[in-house]
Amino acid sequence: MSADGTWQITAQTPMGEQQSTVELSENAGALTGRMTAPEESAIYDGSINGGEASWRVDITKPMSLKLHVSATIDGDSMSGKIKAGIFPAAPFTAQRTA
């Protein structure tokens, strides 16, 4: 399942519902791209195997955190968990917008 494209993410976090956008591009099992939540940050350590994807991103707003995202892609839908620092993993859903 391809991860290529722009995805609108809705995460259920301890601080309430959070929106972000991620642009993903895959090449030979590696994922690259950018995540905006609300500032734009490059993703790193991205990988995809079949419909299973994961990546990391560092954010500074609303606080400085290292995020680890793990996801399952099914067509134009994605779901998974976002682990943010010491906080519990937050479930998320996403739709491909482009």
PDB file of N, CA and C in Angstrom:
ATOM      1  N   MET A   1       0.848  -1.174   0.000  1.00  0.00           N
ATOM      2  CA  MET A   1       0.000   0.000   0.000  1.00  0.00           C
ATOM      3  C   MET A   1       0.897   1.242   0.000  1.00  0.00           C
ATOM      4  N   SER A   2       0.662   2.154  -0.893  1.00  0.00           N
ATOM      5  CA  SER A   2       1.498   3.346  -1.016  1.00  0.00           C
ATOM      6  C   SER A   2       1.172   4.382   0.063  1.00  0.00           C
ATOM      7  N   ALA A   3       2.213   4.986   0.593  1.00  0.00           N
ATOM      8  CA  ALA A   3       2.052   6.070   1.564  1.00  0.00           C
ATOM      9  C   ALA A   3       2.160   7.441   0.914  1.00  0.00           C
ATOM     10  N   ASP A   4       2.554   7.480  -0.369  1.00  0.00           N
ATOM     11  CA  ASP A   4       2.770   8.751  -1.059  1.00  0.00           C
ATOM     12  C   ASP A   4       1.544   9.656  -0.975  1.00  0.00           C
ATOM     13  N   GLY A   5       1.801  10.933  -0.693  1.00  0.00           N
ATOM     14  CA  GLY A   5       0.731  11.915  -0.712  1.00  0.00           C
ATOM     15  C   GLY A   5       0.707  12.791   0.515  1.00  0.00           C
ATOM     16  N   THR A   6      -0.353  13.584   0.597  1.00  0.00           N
ATOM     17  CA  THR A   6      -0.588  14.479   1.724  1.00  0.00           C
ATOM     18  C   THR A   6      -1.726  13.908   2.556  1.00  0.00           C
ATOM     19  N   TRP A   7      -1.502  13.837   3.858  1.00  0.00           N
ATOM     20  CA  TRP A   7      -2.454  13.225   4.781  1.00  0.00           C
ATOM     21  C   TRP A   7      -2.867  14.232   5.840  1.00  0.00           C
ATOM     22  N   GLN A   8      -4.154  14.284   6.149  1.00  0.00           N
ATOM     23  CA  GLN A   8      -4.684  15.111   7.242  1.00  0.00           C
ATOM     24  C   GLN A   8      -4.898  14.192   8.436  1.00  0.00           C
ATOM     25  N   ILE A   9      -4.163  14.441   9.523  1.00  0.00           N
ATOM     26  CA  ILE A   9      -4.181  13.587  10.715  1.00  0.00           C
ATOM     27  C   ILE A   9      -5.007  14.243  11.824  1.00  0.00           C
ATOM     28  N   THR A  10      -5.808  13.429  12.503  1.00  0.00           N
ATOM     29  CA  THR A  10      -6.520  13.843  13.707  1.00  0.00           C
ATOM     30  C   THR A  10      -6.122  12.881  14.821  1.00  0.00           C
ATOM     31  N   ALA A  11      -5.448  13.408  15.846  1.00  0.00           N
ATOM     32  CA  ALA A  11      -4.976  12.592  16.969  1.00  0.00           C
ATOM     33  C   ALA A  11      -5.752  12.952  18.231  1.00  0.00           C
ATOM     34  N   GLN A  12      -6.050  11.936  19.031  1.00  0.00           N
ATOM     35  CA  GLN A  12      -6.723  12.114  20.316  1.00  0.00           C
ATOM     36  C   GLN A  12      -5.651  12.084  21.405  1.00  0.00           C
ATOM     37  N   THR A  13      -5.165  13.264  21.805  1.00  0.00           N
ATOM     38  CA  THR A  13      -4.037  13.348  22.736  1.00  0.00           C
ATOM     39  C   THR A  13      -4.511  13.701  24.142  1.00  0.00           C
ATOM     40  N   PRO A  14      -3.624  13.580  25.142  1.00  0.00           N
ATOM     41  CA  PRO A  14      -3.979  14.004  26.494  1.00  0.00           C
ATOM     42  C   PRO A  14      -4.336  15.502  26.567  1.00  0.00           C
ATOM     43  N   MET A  15      -3.898  16.284  25.564  1.00  0.00           N
ATOM     44  CA  MET A  15      -4.208  17.720  25.526  1.00  0.00           C
ATOM     45  C   MET A  15      -5.412  18.013  24.625  1.00  0.00           C
ATOM     46  N   GLY A  16      -6.165  16.973  24.279  1.00  0.00           N
ATOM     47  CA  GLY A  16      -7.322  17.140  23.413  1.00  0.00           C
ATOM     48  C   GLY A  16      -6.996  16.773  21.972  1.00  0.00           C
ATOM     49  N   GLU A  17      -7.987  16.955  21.108  1.00  0.00           N
ATOM     50  CA  GLU A  17      -7.810  16.621  19.696  1.00  0.00           C
ATOM     51  C   GLU A  17      -6.789  17.548  19.044  1.00  0.00           C
ATOM     52  N   GLN A  18      -5.836  16.960  18.325  1.00  0.00           N
ATOM     53  CA  GLN A  18      -4.790  17.726  17.645  1.00  0.00           C
ATOM     54  C   GLN A  18      -4.813  17.391  16.160  1.00  0.00           C
ATOM     55  N   GLN A  19      -4.701  18.418  15.326  1.00  0.00           N
ATOM     56  CA  GLN A  19      -4.683  18.263  13.872  1.00  0.00           C
ATOM     57  C   GLN A  19      -3.267  18.478  13.360  1.00  0.00           C
ATOM     58  N   SER A  20      -2.890  17.727  12.349  1.00  0.00           N
ATOM     59  CA  SER A  20      -1.612  17.936  11.676  1.00  0.00           C
ATOM     60  C   SER A  20      -1.728  17.446  10.237  1.00  0.00           C
ATOM     61  N   THR A  21      -0.763  17.842   9.454  1.00  0.00           N
ATOM     62  CA  THR A  21      -0.685  17.410   8.064  1.00  0.00           C
ATOM     63  C   THR A  21       0.688  16.806   7.855  1.00  0.00           C
ATOM     64  N   VAL A  22       0.734  15.685   7.138  1.00  0.00           N
ATOM     65  CA  VAL A  22       2.016  15.069   6.822  1.00  0.00           C
ATOM     66  C   VAL A  22       2.063  14.802   5.319  1.00  0.00           C
ATOM     67  N   GLU A  23       3.194  15.149   4.733  1.00  0.00           N
ATOM     68  CA  GLU A  23       3.453  14.854   3.317  1.00  0.00           C
ATOM     69  C   GLU A  23       4.480  13.741   3.287  1.00  0.00           C
ATOM     70  N   LEU A  24       4.113  12.600   2.698  1.00  0.00           N
ATOM     71  CA  LEU A  24       4.981  11.429   2.676  1.00  0.00           C
ATOM     72  C   LEU A  24       5.368  11.065   1.254  1.00  0.00           C
ATOM     73  N   SER A  25       6.588  10.598   1.124  1.00  0.00           N
ATOM     74  CA  SER A  25       7.093  10.086  -0.141  1.00  0.00           C
ATOM     75  C   SER A  25       7.895   8.836   0.169  1.00  0.00           C
ATOM     76  N   GLU A  26       7.579   7.745  -0.520  1.00  0.00           N
ATOM     77  CA  GLU A  26       8.313   6.509  -0.259  1.00  0.00           C
ATOM     78  C   GLU A  26       9.198   6.146  -1.435  1.00  0.00           C
ATOM     79  N   ASN A  27      10.319   5.531  -1.087  1.00  0.00           N
ATOM     80  CA  ASN A  27      11.272   5.098  -2.093  1.00  0.00           C
ATOM     81  C   ASN A  27      12.010   3.880  -1.550  1.00  0.00           C
ATOM     82  N   ALA A  28      11.746   2.720  -2.142  1.00  0.00           N
ATOM     83  CA  ALA A  28      12.426   1.473  -1.760  1.00  0.00           C
ATOM     84  C   ALA A  28      12.324   1.183  -0.258  1.00  0.00           C
ATOM     85  N   GLY A  29      11.145   1.364   0.313  1.00  0.00           N
ATOM     86  CA  GLY A  29      10.920   1.056   1.719  1.00  0.00           C
ATOM     87  C   GLY A  29      11.239   2.173   2.693  1.00  0.00           C
ATOM     88  N   ALA A  30      11.796   3.283   2.192  1.00  0.00           N
ATOM     89  CA  ALA A  30      12.101   4.433   3.061  1.00  0.00           C
ATOM     90  C   ALA A  30      11.036   5.505   2.878  1.00  0.00           C
ATOM     91  N   LEU A  31      10.664   6.160   3.970  1.00  0.00           N
ATOM     92  CA  LEU A  31       9.719   7.277   3.939  1.00  0.00           C
ATOM     93  C   LEU A  31      10.443   8.567   4.253  1.00  0.00           C
ATOM     94  N   THR A  32      10.170   9.592   3.471  1.00  0.00           N
ATOM     95  CA  THR A  32      10.665  10.937   3.747  1.00  0.00           C
ATOM     96  C   THR A  32       9.479  11.881   3.669  1.00  0.00           C
ATOM     97  N   GLY A  33       9.666  13.097   4.136  1.00  0.00           N
ATOM     98  CA  GLY A  33       8.591  14.074   4.039  1.00  0.00           C
ATOM     99  C   GLY A  33       8.659  15.108   5.137  1.00  0.00           C
ATOM    100  N   ARG A  34       7.518  15.785   5.313  1.00  0.00           N
ATOM    101  CA  ARG A  34       7.412  16.860   6.292  1.00  0.00           C
ATOM    102  C   ARG A  34       6.084  16.733   7.018  1.00  0.00           C
ATOM    103  N   MET A  35       6.097  17.106   8.293  1.00  0.00           N
ATOM    104  CA  MET A  35       4.883  17.114   9.104  1.00  0.00           C
ATOM    105  C   MET A  35       4.670  18.524   9.611  1.00  0.00           C
ATOM    106  N   THR A  36       3.450  19.007   9.537  1.00  0.00           N
ATOM    107  CA  THR A  36       3.113  20.334  10.025  1.00  0.00           C
ATOM    108  C   THR A  36       2.135  20.186  11.181  1.00  0.00           C
ATOM    109  N   ALA A  37       2.564  20.637  12.388  1.00  0.00           N
ATOM    110  CA  ALA A  37       1.741  20.449  13.581  1.00  0.00           C
ATOM    111  C   ALA A  37       2.104  21.389  14.720  1.00  0.00           C
ATOM    112  N   PRO A  38       1.938  22.677  14.746  1.00  0.00           N
ATOM    113  CA  PRO A  38       1.573  23.576  13.652  1.00  0.00           C
ATOM    114  C   PRO A  38       2.778  24.010  12.822  1.00  0.00           C
ATOM    115  N   GLU A  39       4.020  23.929  13.380  1.00  0.00           N
ATOM    116  CA  GLU A  39       5.169  24.303  12.547  1.00  0.00           C
ATOM    117  C   GLU A  39       5.578  23.110  11.691  1.00  0.00           C
ATOM    118  N   GLU A  40       6.323  23.372  10.641  1.00  0.00           N
ATOM    119  CA  GLU A  40       6.745  22.317   9.723  1.00  0.00           C
ATOM    120  C   GLU A  40       8.071  21.723  10.172  1.00  0.00           C
ATOM    121  N   SER A  41       8.139  20.383  10.208  1.00  0.00           N
ATOM    122  CA  SER A  41       9.347  19.680  10.615  1.00  0.00           C
ATOM    123  C   SER A  41       9.573  18.496   9.683  1.00  0.00           C
ATOM    124  N   ALA A  42      10.839  18.208   9.395  1.00  0.00           N
ATOM    125  CA  ALA A  42      11.174  17.061   8.551  1.00  0.00           C
ATOM    126  C   ALA A  42      10.993  15.768   9.333  1.00  0.00           C
ATOM    127  N   ILE A  43      10.434  14.749   8.671  1.00  0.00           N
ATOM    128  CA  ILE A  43      10.371  13.442   9.306  1.00  0.00           C
ATOM    129  C   ILE A  43      11.708  12.732   9.067  1.00  0.00           C
ATOM    130  N   TYR A  44      12.022  11.776   9.943  1.00  0.00           N
ATOM    131  CA  TYR A  44      13.252  11.000   9.802  1.00  0.00           C
ATOM    132  C   TYR A  44      13.006   9.583  10.282  1.00  0.00           C
ATOM    133  N   ASP A  45      13.928   8.684   9.992  1.00  0.00           N
ATOM    134  CA  ASP A  45      13.793   7.265  10.340  1.00  0.00           C
ATOM    135  C   ASP A  45      12.478   6.689   9.828  1.00  0.00           C
ATOM    136  N   GLY A  46      12.034   7.146   8.657  1.00  0.00           N
ATOM    137  CA  GLY A  46      10.776   6.674   8.096  1.00  0.00           C
ATOM    138  C   GLY A  46      10.949   5.383   7.319  1.00  0.00           C
ATOM    139  N   SER A  47       9.973   4.483   7.476  1.00  0.00           N
ATOM    140  CA  SER A  47      10.011   3.228   6.729  1.00  0.00           C
ATOM    141  C   SER A  47       8.594   2.752   6.452  1.00  0.00           C
ATOM    142  N   ILE A  48       8.456   1.915   5.423  1.00  0.00           N
ATOM    143  CA  ILE A  48       7.176   1.303   5.093  1.00  0.00           C
ATOM    144  C   ILE A  48       7.438  -0.112   4.622  1.00  0.00           C
ATOM    145  N   ASN A  49       6.592  -1.017   5.070  1.00  0.00           N
ATOM    146  CA  ASN A  49       6.667  -2.422   4.679  1.00  0.00           C
ATOM    147  C   ASN A  49       5.237  -2.894   4.492  1.00  0.00           C
ATOM    148  N   GLY A  50       4.837  -3.060   3.223  1.00  0.00           N
ATOM    149  CA  GLY A  50       3.438  -3.376   2.954  1.00  0.00           C
ATOM    150  C   GLY A  50       2.583  -2.185   3.365  1.00  0.00           C
ATOM    151  N   GLY A  51       1.597  -2.407   4.207  1.00  0.00           N
ATOM    152  CA  GLY A  51       0.739  -1.326   4.685  1.00  0.00           C
ATOM    153  C   GLY A  51       1.146  -0.768   6.034  1.00  0.00           C
ATOM    154  N   GLU A  52       2.309  -1.211   6.557  1.00  0.00           N
ATOM    155  CA  GLU A  52       2.777  -0.752   7.870  1.00  0.00           C
ATOM    156  C   GLU A  52       3.854   0.314   7.685  1.00  0.00           C
ATOM    157  N   ALA A  53       3.629   1.482   8.283  1.00  0.00           N
ATOM    158  CA  ALA A  53       4.560   2.607   8.150  1.00  0.00           C
ATOM    159  C   ALA A  53       4.940   3.140   9.521  1.00  0.00           C
ATOM    160  N   SER A  54       6.119   3.746   9.593  1.00  0.00           N
ATOM    161  CA  SER A  54       6.527   4.431  10.825  1.00  0.00           C
ATOM    162  C   SER A  54       7.504   5.539  10.469  1.00  0.00           C
ATOM    163  N   TRP A  55       7.514   6.558  11.315  1.00  0.00           N
ATOM    164  CA  TRP A  55       8.472   7.648  11.158  1.00  0.00           C
ATOM    165  C   TRP A  55       8.590   8.400  12.470  1.00  0.00           C
ATOM    166  N   ARG A  56       9.602   9.242  12.537  1.00  0.00           N
ATOM    167  CA  ARG A  56       9.839  10.097  13.705  1.00  0.00           C
ATOM    168  C   ARG A  56       9.866  11.549  13.241  1.00  0.00           C
ATOM    169  N   VAL A  57       9.502  12.427  14.149  1.00  0.00           N
ATOM    170  CA  VAL A  57       9.550  13.863  13.874  1.00  0.00           C
ATOM    171  C   VAL A  57       9.710  14.586  15.209  1.00  0.00           C
ATOM    172  N   ASP A  58      10.475  15.672  15.210  1.00  0.00           N
ATOM    173  CA  ASP A  58      10.661  16.495  16.407  1.00  0.00           C
ATOM    174  C   ASP A  58       9.848  17.767  16.241  1.00  0.00           C
ATOM    175  N   ILE A  59       9.041  18.101  17.271  1.00  0.00           N
ATOM    176  CA  ILE A  59       8.240  19.319  17.232  1.00  0.00           C
ATOM    177  C   ILE A  59       8.630  20.227  18.400  1.00  0.00           C
ATOM    178  N   THR A  60       8.263  21.504  18.285  1.00  0.00           N
ATOM    179  CA  THR A  60       8.537  22.453  19.374  1.00  0.00           C
ATOM    180  C   THR A  60       7.267  23.099  19.910  1.00  0.00           C
ATOM    181  N   LYS A  61       6.127  22.918  19.211  1.00  0.00           N
ATOM    182  CA  LYS A  61       4.857  23.497  19.668  1.00  0.00           C
ATOM    183  C   LYS A  61       3.804  22.405  19.719  1.00  0.00           C
ATOM    184  N   PRO A  62       2.980  22.313  20.715  1.00  0.00           N
ATOM    185  CA  PRO A  62       2.849  23.251  21.823  1.00  0.00           C
ATOM    186  C   PRO A  62       3.973  23.148  22.844  1.00  0.00           C
ATOM    187  N   MET A  63       4.810  22.087  22.723  1.00  0.00           N
ATOM    188  CA  MET A  63       6.003  21.956  23.561  1.00  0.00           C
ATOM    189  C   MET A  63       7.012  21.133  22.784  1.00  0.00           C
ATOM    190  N   SER A  64       8.238  21.137  23.232  1.00  0.00           N
ATOM    191  CA  SER A  64       9.288  20.386  22.556  1.00  0.00           C
ATOM    192  C   SER A  64       9.108  18.892  22.839  1.00  0.00           C
ATOM    193  N   LEU A  65       8.867  18.120  21.772  1.00  0.00           N
ATOM    194  CA  LEU A  65       8.650  16.685  21.909  1.00  0.00           C
ATOM    195  C   LEU A  65       9.236  15.948  20.722  1.00  0.00           C
ATOM    196  N   LYS A  66       9.657  14.729  20.979  1.00  0.00           N
ATOM    197  CA  LYS A  66      10.048  13.807  19.914  1.00  0.00           C
ATOM    198  C   LYS A  66       8.873  12.857  19.716  1.00  0.00           C
ATOM    199  N   LEU A  67       8.338  12.823  18.486  1.00  0.00           N
ATOM    200  CA  LEU A  67       7.193  11.974  18.183  1.00  0.00           C
ATOM    201  C   LEU A  67       7.650  10.727  17.435  1.00  0.00           C
ATOM    202  N   HIS A  68       7.035   9.593  17.767  1.00  0.00           N
ATOM    203  CA  HIS A  68       7.232   8.362  17.008  1.00  0.00           C
ATOM    204  C   HIS A  68       5.852   7.924  16.532  1.00  0.00           C
ATOM    205  N   VAL A  69       5.684   7.862  15.219  1.00  0.00           N
ATOM    206  CA  VAL A  69       4.401   7.545  14.611  1.00  0.00           C
ATOM    207  C   VAL A  69       4.468   6.136  14.031  1.00  0.00           C
ATOM    208  N   SER A  70       3.470   5.308  14.351  1.00  0.00           N
ATOM    209  CA  SER A  70       3.329   4.002  13.719  1.00  0.00           C
ATOM    210  C   SER A  70       1.920   3.930  13.150  1.00  0.00           C
ATOM    211  N   ALA A  71       1.812   3.437  11.912  1.00  0.00           N
ATOM    212  CA  ALA A  71       0.536   3.517  11.215  1.00  0.00           C
ATOM    213  C   ALA A  71       0.294   2.317  10.327  1.00  0.00           C
ATOM    214  N   THR A  72      -0.986   2.063  10.083  1.00  0.00           N
ATOM    215  CA  THR A  72      -1.434   1.096   9.097  1.00  0.00           C
ATOM    216  C   THR A  72      -2.172   1.860   8.017  1.00  0.00           C
ATOM    217  N   ILE A  73      -1.789   1.635   6.766  1.00  0.00           N
ATOM    218  CA  ILE A  73      -2.396   2.334   5.636  1.00  0.00           C
ATOM    219  C   ILE A  73      -3.335   1.372   4.922  1.00  0.00           C
ATOM    220  N   ASP A  74      -4.551   1.861   4.660  1.00  0.00           N
ATOM    221  CA  ASP A  74      -5.552   1.083   3.939  1.00  0.00           C
ATOM    222  C   ASP A  74      -6.181   1.994   2.894  1.00  0.00           C
ATOM    223  N   GLY A  75      -5.655   1.961   1.678  1.00  0.00           N
ATOM    224  CA  GLY A  75      -6.151   2.838   0.619  1.00  0.00           C
ATOM    225  C   GLY A  75      -5.838   4.288   0.942  1.00  0.00           C
ATOM    226  N   ASP A  76      -6.881   5.119   1.029  1.00  0.00           N
ATOM    227  CA  ASP A  76      -6.714   6.533   1.347  1.00  0.00           C
ATOM    228  C   ASP A  76      -6.954   6.835   2.821  1.00  0.00           C
ATOM    229  N   SER A  77      -6.940   5.794   3.655  1.00  0.00           N
ATOM    230  CA  SER A  77      -7.102   5.946   5.102  1.00  0.00           C
ATOM    231  C   SER A  77      -5.868   5.424   5.817  1.00  0.00           C
ATOM    232  N   MET A  78      -5.588   6.020   6.956  1.00  0.00           N
ATOM    233  CA  MET A  78      -4.459   5.609   7.785  1.00  0.00           C
ATOM    234  C   MET A  78      -4.921   5.687   9.240  1.00  0.00           C
ATOM    235  N   SER A  79      -4.439   4.773  10.057  1.00  0.00           N
ATOM    236  CA  SER A  79      -4.702   4.840  11.495  1.00  0.00           C
ATOM    237  C   SER A  79      -3.493   4.302  12.222  1.00  0.00           C
ATOM    238  N   GLY A  80      -3.375   4.697  13.478  1.00  0.00           N
ATOM    239  CA  GLY A  80      -2.238   4.227  14.257  1.00  0.00           C
ATOM    240  C   GLY A  80      -2.102   4.958  15.557  1.00  0.00           C
ATOM    241  N   LYS A  81      -0.854   5.068  16.013  1.00  0.00           N
ATOM    242  CA  LYS A  81      -0.550   5.687  17.298  1.00  0.00           C
ATOM    243  C   LYS A  81       0.614   6.651  17.144  1.00  0.00           C
ATOM    244  N   ILE A  82       0.556   7.728  17.927  1.00  0.00           N
ATOM    245  CA  ILE A  82       1.641   8.698  18.007  1.00  0.00           C
ATOM    246  C   ILE A  82       2.134   8.704  19.444  1.00  0.00           C
ATOM    247  N   LYS A  83       3.375   8.327  19.634  1.00  0.00           N
ATOM    248  CA  LYS A  83       4.002   8.358  20.961  1.00  0.00           C
ATOM    249  C   LYS A  83       4.770   9.662  21.067  1.00  0.00           C
ATOM    250  N   ALA A  84       4.435  10.469  22.064  1.00  0.00           N
ATOM    251  CA  ALA A  84       5.037  11.791  22.238  1.00  0.00           C
ATOM    252  C   ALA A  84       5.745  11.859  23.582  1.00  0.00           C
ATOM    253  N   GLY A  85       7.054  11.680  23.552  1.00  0.00           N
ATOM    254  CA  GLY A  85       7.842  11.804  24.776  1.00  0.00           C
ATOM    255  C   GLY A  85       7.342  10.893  25.874  1.00  0.00           C
ATOM    256  N   ILE A  86       7.104  11.471  27.059  1.00  0.00           N
ATOM    257  CA  ILE A  86       6.679  10.690  28.225  1.00  0.00           C
ATOM    258  C   ILE A  86       5.169  10.443  28.255  1.00  0.00           C
ATOM    259  N   PHE A  87       4.426  11.036  27.323  1.00  0.00           N
ATOM    260  CA  PHE A  87       2.974  10.895  27.310  1.00  0.00           C
ATOM    261  C   PHE A  87       2.570   9.520  26.761  1.00  0.00           C
ATOM    262  N   PRO A  88       1.370   9.049  27.145  1.00  0.00           N
ATOM    263  CA  PRO A  88       0.894   7.789  26.577  1.00  0.00           C
ATOM    264  C   PRO A  88       0.704   7.931  25.063  1.00  0.00           C
ATOM    265  N   ALA A  89       0.786   6.822  24.352  1.00  0.00           N
ATOM    266  CA  ALA A  89       0.566   6.833  22.897  1.00  0.00           C
ATOM    267  C   ALA A  89      -0.857   7.299  22.611  1.00  0.00           C
ATOM    268  N   ALA A  90      -0.991   8.195  21.641  1.00  0.00           N
ATOM    269  CA  ALA A  90      -2.288   8.755  21.264  1.00  0.00           C
ATOM    270  C   ALA A  90      -2.754   8.122  19.960  1.00  0.00           C
ATOM    271  N   PRO A  91      -3.996   7.620  19.923  1.00  0.00           N
ATOM    272  CA  PRO A  91      -4.507   7.063  18.667  1.00  0.00           C
ATOM    273  C   PRO A  91      -4.774   8.182  17.658  1.00  0.00           C
ATOM    274  N   PHE A  92      -4.634   7.858  16.368  1.00  0.00           N
ATOM    275  CA  PHE A  92      -4.955   8.835  15.347  1.00  0.00           C
ATOM    276  C   PHE A  92      -5.589   8.147  14.141  1.00  0.00           C
ATOM    277  N   THR A  93      -6.287   8.949  13.374  1.00  0.00           N
ATOM    278  CA  THR A  93      -6.794   8.554  12.068  1.00  0.00           C
ATOM    279  C   THR A  93      -6.357   9.610  11.074  1.00  0.00           C
ATOM    280  N   ALA A  94      -6.290   9.240   9.803  1.00  0.00           N
ATOM    281  CA  ALA A  94      -5.863  10.194   8.776  1.00  0.00           C
ATOM    282  C   ALA A  94      -6.530   9.841   7.458  1.00  0.00           C
ATOM    283  N   GLN A  95      -6.709  10.868   6.633  1.00  0.00           N
ATOM    284  CA  GLN A  95      -7.243  10.717   5.280  1.00  0.00           C
ATOM    285  C   GLN A  95      -6.253  11.341   4.312  1.00  0.00           C
ATOM    286  N   ARG A  96      -6.040  10.669   3.180  1.00  0.00           N
ATOM    287  CA  ARG A  96      -5.181  11.222   2.137  1.00  0.00           C
ATOM    288  C   ARG A  96      -5.975  12.323   1.429  1.00  0.00           C
ATOM    289  N   THR A  97      -5.365  13.506   1.324  1.00  0.00           N
ATOM    290  CA  THR A  97      -6.049  14.640   0.683  1.00  0.00           C
ATOM    291  C   THR A  97      -5.494  14.925  -0.699  1.00  0.00           C
ATOM    292  N   ALA A  98      -4.323  14.429  -0.991  1.00  0.00           N
ATOM    293  CA  ALA A  98      -3.715  14.641  -2.324  1.00  0.00           C
ATOM    294  C   ALA A  98      -2.681  13.567  -2.588  1.00  0.00           C
TER     295      ALA A  98
END
